[in-house]
Amino acid sequence: MVCTSPTHQPLATRLARELVQDQEGDLETLSLAVWDQRTGLVCTQRPDRHYDSASVVKVTVMGAVLRRAQDEGRPLTPEETEDLRLMITVSDNDATTRQWNSLGRERLQRFLNLAGMTDTVLGTSWGLTQVTAADEMRQLNVFTVDPDVLTPANKQYGRTLMSQVVPSQRWGAPYGAPSDVHVEVKNGWLQRATHGWRVHSLGIFSSPDDLYQMTFLSQDDPTMSYGINVIQKLAWRIHRTLNTAPGHGNGTTLPFEDGYQGSEVSDGSEVDGNRPPGGAAPARP
């Protein structure tokens, strides 16, 4: 675990130490990336390790759909509008497949290139796209601080959808966020025969005086609930640390409570059926 800050290095050093303590025996199965605008704090652990994307790739598909409309100088079609809503707010797989196929491999890859997501490898199905914590942070940047990929209106459109994710899918990175922090989230949860459960969580958090982001990717979790609780303990620590630092928030993070119960039903994102035209690059092992 590495945490650095050009202006708050004691805080960064303390956070790194506490995150390692919180992970206990889970250091080998989890990657993360954290960035805080106010302090310049950056934390990473195994940011370049690849994982099956599961449903977090839906943020990438959304970004590519928005960029396509932008390139074509038009608003979203009614079909795109409805599919993006379903894809993000309730993690609908059919809507994702329709847009994945509509975009095609070339346009999806062009979006990855524009976003600087050079380590992301499109999969044989969208849920088996290979992602890294570092690239997922770049993905969040597309909707926050990257000035080149999406217009301000399209950035806000995507973030609004991520703020409207249904309550049952708002676990993970948002855990511990104070009530005065605006939360945007997208999660993924996939069980496969190898590496057990993949449990992932992406979060954007903003207040009038700050913006910070987190990406968590994990595999080899014995259950969905186990993976969620590991991520939530780390997220709680990050929220508490950032919102009690000088000049940050109101410090009202509640005490951590373990024992969150996930649905234990996979998000279904591994189905190898509807591929982009022309096929897809093989997924990395």
C-alpha atoms as a PDB file:
ATOM      1  CA  MET A   1       0.000   0.000   0.000  1.00  0.00           C
ATOM      2  CA  VAL A   2       1.366   3.393  -1.003  1.00  0.00           C
ATOM      3  CA  CYS A   3      -0.233   6.726  -0.064  1.00  0.00           C
ATOM      4  CA  THR A   4       1.324  10.082  -0.901  1.00  0.00           C
ATOM      5  CA  SER A   5       0.302  13.738  -0.671  1.00  0.00           C
ATOM      6  CA  PRO A   6       2.257  16.867  -1.605  1.00  0.00           C
ATOM      7  CA  THR A   7       0.666  18.856   1.231  1.00  0.00           C
ATOM      8  CA  HIS A   8      -0.602  16.301   3.789  1.00  0.00           C
ATOM      9  CA  GLN A   9       2.010  13.530   3.872  1.00  0.00           C
ATOM     10  CA  PRO A  10       1.518  12.703   7.599  1.00  0.00           C
ATOM     11  CA  LEU A  11      -2.154  12.095   6.850  1.00  0.00           C
ATOM     12  CA  ALA A  12      -1.226   9.946   3.834  1.00  0.00           C
ATOM     13  CA  THR A  13       1.252   7.898   5.854  1.00  0.00           C
ATOM     14  CA  ARG A  14      -1.301   7.305   8.587  1.00  0.00           C
ATOM     15  CA  LEU A  15      -4.002   6.306   6.111  1.00  0.00           C
ATOM     16  CA  ALA A  16      -1.698   3.799   4.384  1.00  0.00           C
ATOM     17  CA  ARG A  17      -0.865   2.201   7.729  1.00  0.00           C
ATOM     18  CA  GLU A  18      -4.507   1.987   8.781  1.00  0.00           C
ATOM     19  CA  LEU A  19      -5.674   0.590   5.442  1.00  0.00           C
ATOM     20  CA  VAL A  20      -3.103  -2.209   5.676  1.00  0.00           C
ATOM     21  CA  GLN A  21      -4.311  -2.970   9.190  1.00  0.00           C
ATOM     22  CA  ASP A  22      -7.930  -2.998   8.046  1.00  0.00           C
ATOM     23  CA  GLN A  23      -7.232  -5.447   5.209  1.00  0.00           C
ATOM     24  CA  GLU A  24      -5.851  -8.111   7.519  1.00  0.00           C
ATOM     25  CA  GLY A  25      -5.511 -11.238   5.328  1.00  0.00           C
ATOM     26  CA  ASP A  26      -6.974  -9.716   2.170  1.00  0.00           C
ATOM     27  CA  LEU A  27      -3.899  -7.986   0.790  1.00  0.00           C
ATOM     28  CA  GLU A  28      -3.378 -10.577  -1.955  1.00  0.00           C
ATOM     29  CA  THR A  29      -6.887 -10.450  -3.416  1.00  0.00           C
ATOM     30  CA  LEU A  30      -7.703  -6.762  -3.654  1.00  0.00           C
ATOM     31  CA  SER A  31      -6.555  -3.733  -5.651  1.00  0.00           C
ATOM     32  CA  LEU A  32      -7.478  -0.139  -4.986  1.00  0.00           C
ATOM     33  CA  ALA A  33      -6.881   3.430  -6.103  1.00  0.00           C
ATOM     34  CA  VAL A  34      -7.875   6.563  -4.179  1.00  0.00           C
ATOM     35  CA  TRP A  35      -7.542  10.215  -5.165  1.00  0.00           C
ATOM     36  CA  ASP A  36      -8.480  13.350  -3.211  1.00  0.00           C
ATOM     37  CA  GLN A  37      -8.512  16.710  -4.981  1.00  0.00           C
ATOM     38  CA  ARG A  38      -8.017  18.974  -1.963  1.00  0.00           C
ATOM     39  CA  THR A  39      -4.958  17.288  -0.470  1.00  0.00           C
ATOM     40  CA  GLY A  40      -3.609  15.730  -3.655  1.00  0.00           C
ATOM     41  CA  LEU A  41      -3.624  12.427  -1.762  1.00  0.00           C
ATOM     42  CA  VAL A  42      -3.164   9.318  -3.900  1.00  0.00           C
ATOM     43  CA  CYS A  43      -3.300   5.772  -2.530  1.00  0.00           C
ATOM     44  CA  THR A  44      -2.713   2.662  -4.614  1.00  0.00           C
ATOM     45  CA  GLN A  45      -2.362  -1.042  -4.081  1.00  0.00           C
ATOM     46  CA  ARG A  46      -1.694  -3.327  -7.043  1.00  0.00           C
ATOM     47  CA  PRO A  47      -3.235  -0.711  -9.375  1.00  0.00           C
ATOM     48  CA  ASP A  48      -2.173  -2.617 -12.527  1.00  0.00           C
ATOM     49  CA  ARG A  49      -3.537  -6.082 -11.666  1.00  0.00           C
ATOM     50  CA  HIS A  50      -6.239  -7.316 -14.059  1.00  0.00           C
ATOM     51  CA  TYR A  51      -9.683  -8.515 -12.990  1.00  0.00           C
ATOM     52  CA  ASP A  52     -12.841  -9.594 -14.797  1.00  0.00           C
ATOM     53  CA  SER A  53     -14.793  -6.350 -14.941  1.00  0.00           C
ATOM     54  CA  ALA A  54     -18.244  -7.670 -14.068  1.00  0.00           C
ATOM     55  CA  SER A  55     -20.751  -4.805 -14.108  1.00  0.00           C
ATOM     56  CA  VAL A  56     -18.347  -1.919 -13.462  1.00  0.00           C
ATOM     57  CA  VAL A  57     -17.657  -1.985 -17.224  1.00  0.00           C
ATOM     58  CA  LYS A  58     -21.116  -0.464 -17.631  1.00  0.00           C
ATOM     59  CA  VAL A  59     -19.582   2.905 -16.767  1.00  0.00           C
ATOM     60  CA  THR A  60     -17.253   2.455 -19.742  1.00  0.00           C
ATOM     61  CA  VAL A  61     -20.137   1.504 -22.026  1.00  0.00           C
ATOM     62  CA  MET A  62     -22.045   4.572 -20.827  1.00  0.00           C
ATOM     63  CA  GLY A  63     -19.057   6.791 -21.529  1.00  0.00           C
ATOM     64  CA  ALA A  64     -18.689   5.382 -25.045  1.00  0.00           C
ATOM     65  CA  VAL A  65     -22.394   5.919 -25.784  1.00  0.00           C
ATOM     66  CA  LEU A  66     -22.176   9.526 -24.603  1.00  0.00           C
ATOM     67  CA  ARG A  67     -19.025  10.094 -26.647  1.00  0.00           C
ATOM     68  CA  ARG A  68     -20.675   8.642 -29.772  1.00  0.00           C
ATOM     69  CA  ALA A  69     -23.592  11.057 -29.498  1.00  0.00           C
ATOM     70  CA  GLN A  70     -21.126  13.876 -28.874  1.00  0.00           C
ATOM     71  CA  ASP A  71     -19.076  12.974 -31.959  1.00  0.00           C
ATOM     72  CA  GLU A  72     -22.228  12.847 -34.058  1.00  0.00           C
ATOM     73  CA  GLY A  73     -23.411  16.228 -32.771  1.00  0.00           C
ATOM     74  CA  ARG A  74     -26.755  14.949 -31.520  1.00  0.00           C
ATOM     75  CA  PRO A  75     -28.630  14.263 -28.289  1.00  0.00           C
ATOM     76  CA  LEU A  76     -29.100  10.728 -27.035  1.00  0.00           C
ATOM     77  CA  THR A  77     -31.845   8.783 -28.764  1.00  0.00           C
ATOM     78  CA  PRO A  78     -34.803   7.627 -26.642  1.00  0.00           C
ATOM     79  CA  GLU A  79     -33.422   4.075 -26.836  1.00  0.00           C
ATOM     80  CA  GLU A  80     -29.964   5.165 -25.655  1.00  0.00           C
ATOM     81  CA  THR A  81     -31.488   7.235 -22.878  1.00  0.00           C
ATOM     82  CA  GLU A  82     -33.529   4.318 -21.569  1.00  0.00           C
ATOM     83  CA  ASP A  83     -30.711   1.792 -21.901  1.00  0.00           C
ATOM     84  CA  LEU A  84     -28.262   4.014 -20.009  1.00  0.00           C
ATOM     85  CA  ARG A  85     -30.788   4.535 -17.232  1.00  0.00           C
ATOM     86  CA  LEU A  86     -31.412   0.811 -16.875  1.00  0.00           C
ATOM     87  CA  MET A  87     -27.735  -0.110 -17.281  1.00  0.00           C
ATOM     88  CA  ILE A  88     -26.500   2.183 -14.496  1.00  0.00           C
ATOM     89  CA  THR A  89     -29.343   2.577 -12.001  1.00  0.00           C
ATOM     90  CA  VAL A  90     -30.431  -1.082 -11.843  1.00  0.00           C
ATOM     91  CA  SER A  91     -27.428  -2.726 -13.599  1.00  0.00           C
ATOM     92  CA  ASP A  92     -29.578  -4.166 -16.365  1.00  0.00           C
ATOM     93  CA  ASN A  93     -27.647  -6.665 -18.521  1.00  0.00           C
ATOM     94  CA  ASP A  94     -29.887  -6.665 -21.598  1.00  0.00           C
ATOM     95  CA  ALA A  95     -29.565  -2.888 -21.910  1.00  0.00           C
ATOM     96  CA  THR A  96     -25.787  -3.217 -21.628  1.00  0.00           C
ATOM     97  CA  THR A  97     -25.639  -5.893 -24.324  1.00  0.00           C
ATOM     98  CA  ARG A  98     -27.701  -3.754 -26.709  1.00  0.00           C
ATOM     99  CA  GLN A  99     -25.358  -0.795 -26.333  1.00  0.00           C
ATOM    100  CA  TRP A 100     -22.180  -2.943 -26.350  1.00  0.00           C
ATOM    101  CA  ASN A 101     -23.230  -4.456 -29.664  1.00  0.00           C
ATOM    102  CA  SER A 102     -24.401  -1.129 -31.058  1.00  0.00           C
ATOM    103  CA  LEU A 103     -21.046   0.505 -30.282  1.00  0.00           C
ATOM    104  CA  GLY A 104     -18.861  -2.267 -31.686  1.00  0.00           C
ATOM    105  CA  ARG A 105     -15.293  -3.081 -30.829  1.00  0.00           C
ATOM    106  CA  GLU A 106     -13.664  -0.234 -32.788  1.00  0.00           C
ATOM    107  CA  ARG A 107     -15.679   2.515 -31.110  1.00  0.00           C
ATOM    108  CA  LEU A 108     -15.289   0.960 -27.663  1.00  0.00           C
ATOM    109  CA  GLN A 109     -11.526   0.786 -28.143  1.00  0.00           C
ATOM    110  CA  ARG A 110     -11.444   4.374 -29.374  1.00  0.00           C
ATOM    111  CA  PHE A 111     -13.171   5.473 -26.177  1.00  0.00           C
ATOM    112  CA  LEU A 112     -10.659   3.538 -24.047  1.00  0.00           C
ATOM    113  CA  ASN A 113      -7.833   5.232 -25.913  1.00  0.00           C
ATOM    114  CA  LEU A 114      -9.341   8.690 -25.404  1.00  0.00           C
ATOM    115  CA  ALA A 115      -9.748   7.997 -21.686  1.00  0.00           C
ATOM    116  CA  GLY A 116      -6.156   6.785 -21.348  1.00  0.00           C
ATOM    117  CA  MET A 117      -7.409   3.348 -20.261  1.00  0.00           C
ATOM    118  CA  THR A 118      -4.595   1.586 -22.078  1.00  0.00           C
ATOM    119  CA  ASP A 119      -4.474  -1.452 -19.770  1.00  0.00           C
ATOM    120  CA  THR A 120      -8.150  -2.322 -20.227  1.00  0.00           C
ATOM    121  CA  VAL A 121      -8.759  -5.257 -22.599  1.00  0.00           C
ATOM    122  CA  LEU A 122     -12.197  -5.777 -24.137  1.00  0.00           C
ATOM    123  CA  GLY A 123     -13.486  -9.231 -23.313  1.00  0.00           C
ATOM    124  CA  THR A 124     -15.287 -12.012 -25.136  1.00  0.00           C
ATOM    125  CA  SER A 125     -18.358 -10.659 -23.380  1.00  0.00           C
ATOM    126  CA  TRP A 126     -18.607  -7.249 -21.751  1.00  0.00           C
ATOM    127  CA  GLY A 127     -18.467  -8.652 -18.211  1.00  0.00           C
ATOM    128  CA  LEU A 128     -15.167 -10.412 -18.926  1.00  0.00           C
ATOM    129  CA  THR A 129     -13.409  -7.229 -20.024  1.00  0.00           C
ATOM    130  CA  GLN A 130     -10.127  -7.052 -18.122  1.00  0.00           C
ATOM    131  CA  VAL A 131      -9.812  -3.943 -15.947  1.00  0.00           C
ATOM    132  CA  THR A 132      -7.361  -2.479 -13.442  1.00  0.00           C
ATOM    133  CA  ALA A 133      -7.860  -0.163 -10.474  1.00  0.00           C
ATOM    134  CA  ALA A 134      -5.677   2.468 -12.153  1.00  0.00           C
ATOM    135  CA  ASP A 135      -7.733   2.407 -15.350  1.00  0.00           C
ATOM    136  CA  GLU A 136     -10.989   2.507 -13.405  1.00  0.00           C
ATOM    137  CA  MET A 137      -9.727   5.684 -11.715  1.00  0.00           C
ATOM    138  CA  ARG A 138      -9.078   7.089 -15.202  1.00  0.00           C
ATOM    139  CA  GLN A 139     -12.630   6.041 -16.047  1.00  0.00           C
ATOM    140  CA  LEU A 140     -13.985   8.076 -13.137  1.00  0.00           C
ATOM    141  CA  ASN A 141     -11.802  11.000 -14.217  1.00  0.00           C
ATOM    142  CA  VAL A 142     -13.688  11.051 -17.544  1.00  0.00           C
ATOM    143  CA  PHE A 143     -16.775  12.106 -15.553  1.00  0.00           C
ATOM    144  CA  THR A 144     -14.978  14.533 -13.220  1.00  0.00           C
ATOM    145  CA  VAL A 145     -11.631  16.190 -14.025  1.00  0.00           C
ATOM    146  CA  ASP A 146     -10.678  15.009 -17.530  1.00  0.00           C
ATOM    147  CA  PRO A 147     -11.481  17.974 -19.822  1.00  0.00           C
ATOM    148  CA  ASP A 148     -11.088  16.190 -23.140  1.00  0.00           C
ATOM    149  CA  VAL A 149     -13.358  13.150 -23.410  1.00  0.00           C
ATOM    150  CA  LEU A 150     -16.881  14.340 -22.539  1.00  0.00           C
ATOM    151  CA  THR A 151     -18.584  17.715 -22.513  1.00  0.00           C
ATOM    152  CA  PRO A 152     -19.571  19.127 -19.097  1.00  0.00           C
ATOM    153  CA  ALA A 153     -23.205  18.292 -19.851  1.00  0.00           C
ATOM    154  CA  ASN A 154     -22.394  14.667 -20.683  1.00  0.00           C
ATOM    155  CA  LYS A 155     -20.203  14.343 -17.596  1.00  0.00           C
ATOM    156  CA  GLN A 156     -23.060  15.559 -15.435  1.00  0.00           C
ATOM    157  CA  TYR A 157     -25.514  13.258 -17.195  1.00  0.00           C
ATOM    158  CA  GLY A 158     -23.420  10.199 -16.370  1.00  0.00           C
ATOM    159  CA  ARG A 159     -22.826  11.277 -12.775  1.00  0.00           C
ATOM    160  CA  THR A 160     -26.528  11.910 -12.274  1.00  0.00           C
ATOM    161  CA  LEU A 161     -27.282   8.318 -13.289  1.00  0.00           C
ATOM    162  CA  MET A 162     -24.587   7.037 -10.916  1.00  0.00           C
ATOM    163  CA  SER A 163     -26.211   9.049  -8.116  1.00  0.00           C
ATOM    164  CA  GLN A 164     -29.535   7.307  -8.803  1.00  0.00           C
ATOM    165  CA  VAL A 165     -28.373   3.697  -8.391  1.00  0.00           C
ATOM    166  CA  VAL A 166     -31.015   1.741  -6.480  1.00  0.00           C
ATOM    167  CA  PRO A 167     -30.430   1.350  -2.707  1.00  0.00           C
ATOM    168  CA  SER A 168     -29.723  -2.392  -2.893  1.00  0.00           C
ATOM    169  CA  GLN A 169     -26.710  -1.681  -5.153  1.00  0.00           C
ATOM    170  CA  ARG A 170     -25.230   1.243  -3.190  1.00  0.00           C
ATOM    171  CA  TRP A 171     -22.909  -0.848  -1.022  1.00  0.00           C
ATOM    172  CA  GLY A 172     -19.121  -0.713  -1.129  1.00  0.00           C
ATOM    173  CA  ALA A 173     -17.320   2.559  -1.778  1.00  0.00           C
ATOM    174  CA  PRO A 174     -20.151   4.770  -0.401  1.00  0.00           C
ATOM    175  CA  TYR A 175     -19.997   3.131   3.018  1.00  0.00           C
ATOM    176  CA  GLY A 176     -19.084   5.700   5.649  1.00  0.00           C
ATOM    177  CA  ALA A 177     -19.622   8.782   3.474  1.00  0.00           C
ATOM    178  CA  PRO A 178     -20.917  11.650   5.646  1.00  0.00           C
ATOM    179  CA  SER A 179     -24.444  12.869   4.972  1.00  0.00           C
ATOM    180  CA  ASP A 180     -23.187  16.139   3.449  1.00  0.00           C
ATOM    181  CA  VAL A 181     -21.159  14.323   0.768  1.00  0.00           C
ATOM    182  CA  HIS A 182     -22.824  13.663  -2.607  1.00  0.00           C
ATOM    183  CA  VAL A 183     -22.410  10.003  -3.643  1.00  0.00           C
ATOM    184  CA  GLU A 184     -22.151   8.444  -7.109  1.00  0.00           C
ATOM    185  CA  VAL A 185     -21.477   4.710  -7.399  1.00  0.00           C
ATOM    186  CA  LYS A 186     -21.336   1.677  -9.696  1.00  0.00           C
ATOM    187  CA  ASN A 187     -20.632  -1.844  -8.481  1.00  0.00           C
ATOM    188  CA  GLY A 188     -19.963  -5.282  -9.944  1.00  0.00           C
ATOM    189  CA  TRP A 189     -20.404  -8.719  -8.379  1.00  0.00           C
ATOM    190  CA  LEU A 190     -19.579 -11.869 -10.305  1.00  0.00           C
ATOM    191  CA  GLN A 191     -18.998 -15.479  -9.228  1.00  0.00           C
ATOM    192  CA  ARG A 192     -17.061 -17.853 -11.476  1.00  0.00           C
ATOM    193  CA  ALA A 193     -15.605 -21.351 -11.181  1.00  0.00           C
ATOM    194  CA  THR A 194     -12.104 -19.922 -10.821  1.00  0.00           C
ATOM    195  CA  HIS A 195     -11.171 -17.126  -8.382  1.00  0.00           C
ATOM    196  CA  GLY A 196     -14.536 -17.304  -6.612  1.00  0.00           C
ATOM    197  CA  TRP A 197     -16.375 -14.009  -6.263  1.00  0.00           C
ATOM    198  CA  ARG A 198     -15.241 -10.822  -7.940  1.00  0.00           C
ATOM    199  CA  VAL A 199     -16.590  -7.879  -5.925  1.00  0.00           C
ATOM    200  CA  HIS A 200     -15.866  -4.391  -7.286  1.00  0.00           C
ATOM    201  CA  SER A 201     -16.949  -0.876  -6.331  1.00  0.00           C
ATOM    202  CA  LEU A 202     -16.383   2.548  -7.907  1.00  0.00           C
ATOM    203  CA  GLY A 203     -17.287   5.802  -6.169  1.00  0.00           C
ATOM    204  CA  ILE A 204     -17.216   9.554  -6.767  1.00  0.00           C
ATOM    205  CA  PHE A 205     -17.749  11.782  -3.715  1.00  0.00           C
ATOM    206  CA  SER A 206     -18.198  15.541  -3.774  1.00  0.00           C
ATOM    207  CA  SER A 207     -19.002  18.424  -1.468  1.00  0.00           C
ATOM    208  CA  PRO A 208     -18.803  22.204  -1.932  1.00  0.00           C
ATOM    209  CA  ASP A 209     -15.108  22.173  -0.983  1.00  0.00           C
ATOM    210  CA  ASP A 210     -13.806  18.799  -2.175  1.00  0.00           C
ATOM    211  CA  LEU A 211     -13.914  15.935  -4.671  1.00  0.00           C
ATOM    212  CA  TYR A 212     -12.508  12.463  -4.079  1.00  0.00           C
ATOM    213  CA  GLN A 213     -12.749   9.090  -5.810  1.00  0.00           C
ATOM    214  CA  MET A 214     -12.198   5.413  -4.988  1.00  0.00           C
ATOM    215  CA  THR A 215     -11.912   2.243  -7.047  1.00  0.00           C
ATOM    216  CA  PHE A 216     -11.868  -1.221  -5.470  1.00  0.00           C
ATOM    217  CA  LEU A 217     -11.420  -4.494  -7.383  1.00  0.00           C
ATOM    218  CA  SER A 218     -11.260  -7.914  -5.726  1.00  0.00           C
ATOM    219  CA  GLN A 219     -11.415 -11.612  -6.508  1.00  0.00           C
ATOM    220  CA  ASP A 220     -11.051 -14.914  -4.615  1.00  0.00           C
ATOM    221  CA  ASP A 221     -13.729 -13.766  -2.184  1.00  0.00           C
ATOM    222  CA  PRO A 222     -15.493 -16.793  -0.641  1.00  0.00           C
ATOM    223  CA  THR A 223     -18.871 -15.004  -0.771  1.00  0.00           C
ATOM    224  CA  MET A 224     -20.266 -11.774  -2.144  1.00  0.00           C
ATOM    225  CA  SER A 225     -20.943 -10.599   1.408  1.00  0.00           C
ATOM    226  CA  TYR A 226     -17.339 -11.197   2.418  1.00  0.00           C
ATOM    227  CA  GLY A 227     -16.021  -9.096  -0.464  1.00  0.00           C
ATOM    228  CA  ILE A 228     -18.462  -6.284   0.266  1.00  0.00           C
ATOM    229  CA  ASN A 229     -17.459  -6.126   3.927  1.00  0.00           C
ATOM    230  CA  VAL A 230     -13.742  -5.991   3.084  1.00  0.00           C
ATOM    231  CA  ILE A 231     -14.341  -3.077   0.693  1.00  0.00           C
ATOM    232  CA  GLN A 232     -16.666  -1.297   3.094  1.00  0.00           C
ATOM    233  CA  LYS A 233     -14.170  -1.356   5.932  1.00  0.00           C
ATOM    234  CA  LEU A 234     -11.565   0.238   3.675  1.00  0.00           C
ATOM    235  CA  ALA A 235     -14.052   2.779   2.296  1.00  0.00           C
ATOM    236  CA  TRP A 236     -15.148   3.704   5.810  1.00  0.00           C
ATOM    237  CA  ARG A 237     -11.544   4.331   6.810  1.00  0.00           C
ATOM    238  CA  ILE A 238     -10.949   6.546   3.762  1.00  0.00           C
ATOM    239  CA  HIS A 239     -14.139   8.568   4.273  1.00  0.00           C
ATOM    240  CA  ARG A 240     -13.363   9.071   7.956  1.00  0.00           C
ATOM    241  CA  THR A 241      -9.771  10.122   7.310  1.00  0.00           C
ATOM    242  CA  LEU A 242     -10.545  12.550   4.488  1.00  0.00           C
ATOM    243  CA  ASN A 243     -13.533  14.117   6.207  1.00  0.00           C
ATOM    244  CA  THR A 244     -11.721  14.763   9.488  1.00  0.00           C
ATOM    245  CA  ALA A 245      -8.622  16.270   7.849  1.00  0.00           C
ATOM    246  CA  PRO A 246      -8.200  20.059   8.279  1.00  0.00           C
ATOM    247  CA  GLY A 247     -10.595  21.910   5.994  1.00  0.00           C
ATOM    248  CA  HIS A 248     -12.611  18.792   5.099  1.00  0.00           C
ATOM    249  CA  GLY A 249     -16.305  18.117   5.659  1.00  0.00           C
ATOM    250  CA  ASN A 250     -17.936  17.869   9.050  1.00  0.00           C
ATOM    251  CA  GLY A 251     -16.347  14.623  10.239  1.00  0.00           C
ATOM    252  CA  THR A 252     -19.673  12.880  10.901  1.00  0.00           C
ATOM    253  CA  THR A 253     -18.689   9.404   9.635  1.00  0.00           C
ATOM    254  CA  LEU A 254     -20.564   6.841  11.729  1.00  0.00           C
ATOM    255  CA  PRO A 255     -18.787   3.885  13.430  1.00  0.00           C
ATOM    256  CA  PHE A 256     -18.050   0.910  11.195  1.00  0.00           C
ATOM    257  CA  GLU A 257     -20.462  -2.011  11.423  1.00  0.00           C
ATOM    258  CA  ASP A 258     -19.478  -5.362   9.923  1.00  0.00           C
ATOM    259  CA  GLY A 259     -21.885  -7.990   8.664  1.00  0.00           C
ATOM    260  CA  TYR A 260     -23.384  -6.543   5.472  1.00  0.00           C
ATOM    261  CA  GLN A 261     -25.285  -9.286   3.625  1.00  0.00           C
ATOM    262  CA  GLY A 262     -25.106  -9.312  -0.166  1.00  0.00           C
ATOM    263  CA  SER A 263     -27.645 -11.076  -2.346  1.00  0.00           C
ATOM    264  CA  GLU A 264     -25.171 -13.913  -3.169  1.00  0.00           C
ATOM    265  CA  VAL A 265     -26.635 -13.834  -6.694  1.00  0.00           C
ATOM    266  CA  SER A 266     -24.078 -13.080  -9.417  1.00  0.00           C
ATOM    267  CA  ASP A 267     -24.663 -10.045 -11.634  1.00  0.00           C
ATOM    268  CA  GLY A 268     -24.693 -12.367 -14.672  1.00  0.00           C
ATOM    269  CA  SER A 269     -22.110 -10.373 -16.571  1.00  0.00           C
ATOM    270  CA  GLU A 270     -19.960 -13.311 -17.684  1.00  0.00           C
ATOM    271  CA  VAL A 271     -22.373 -14.627 -20.345  1.00  0.00           C
ATOM    272  CA  ASP A 272     -20.453 -15.087 -23.593  1.00  0.00           C
ATOM    273  CA  GLY A 273     -23.046 -14.317 -26.181  1.00  0.00           C
ATOM    274  CA  ASN A 274     -23.509 -10.904 -27.711  1.00  0.00           C
ATOM    275  CA  ARG A 275     -20.107  -9.702 -28.887  1.00  0.00           C
ATOM    276  CA  PRO A 276     -19.184  -6.510 -30.691  1.00  0.00           C
ATOM    277  CA  PRO A 277     -19.188  -6.861 -34.472  1.00  0.00           C
ATOM    278  CA  GLY A 278     -15.968  -8.459 -35.624  1.00  0.00           C
ATOM    279  CA  GLY A 279     -15.447 -10.342 -32.398  1.00  0.00           C
ATOM    280  CA  ALA A 280     -13.403  -9.266 -29.406  1.00  0.00           C
ATOM    281  CA  ALA A 281      -9.847  -9.549 -28.203  1.00  0.00           C
ATOM    282  CA  PRO A 282      -9.186 -12.507 -25.909  1.00  0.00           C
ATOM    283  CA  ALA A 283      -9.392 -11.738 -22.222  1.00  0.00           C
ATOM    284  CA  ARG A 284      -6.197 -11.908 -20.202  1.00  0.00           C
ATOM    285  CA  PRO A 285      -5.966 -14.807 -17.735  1.00  0.00           C
END
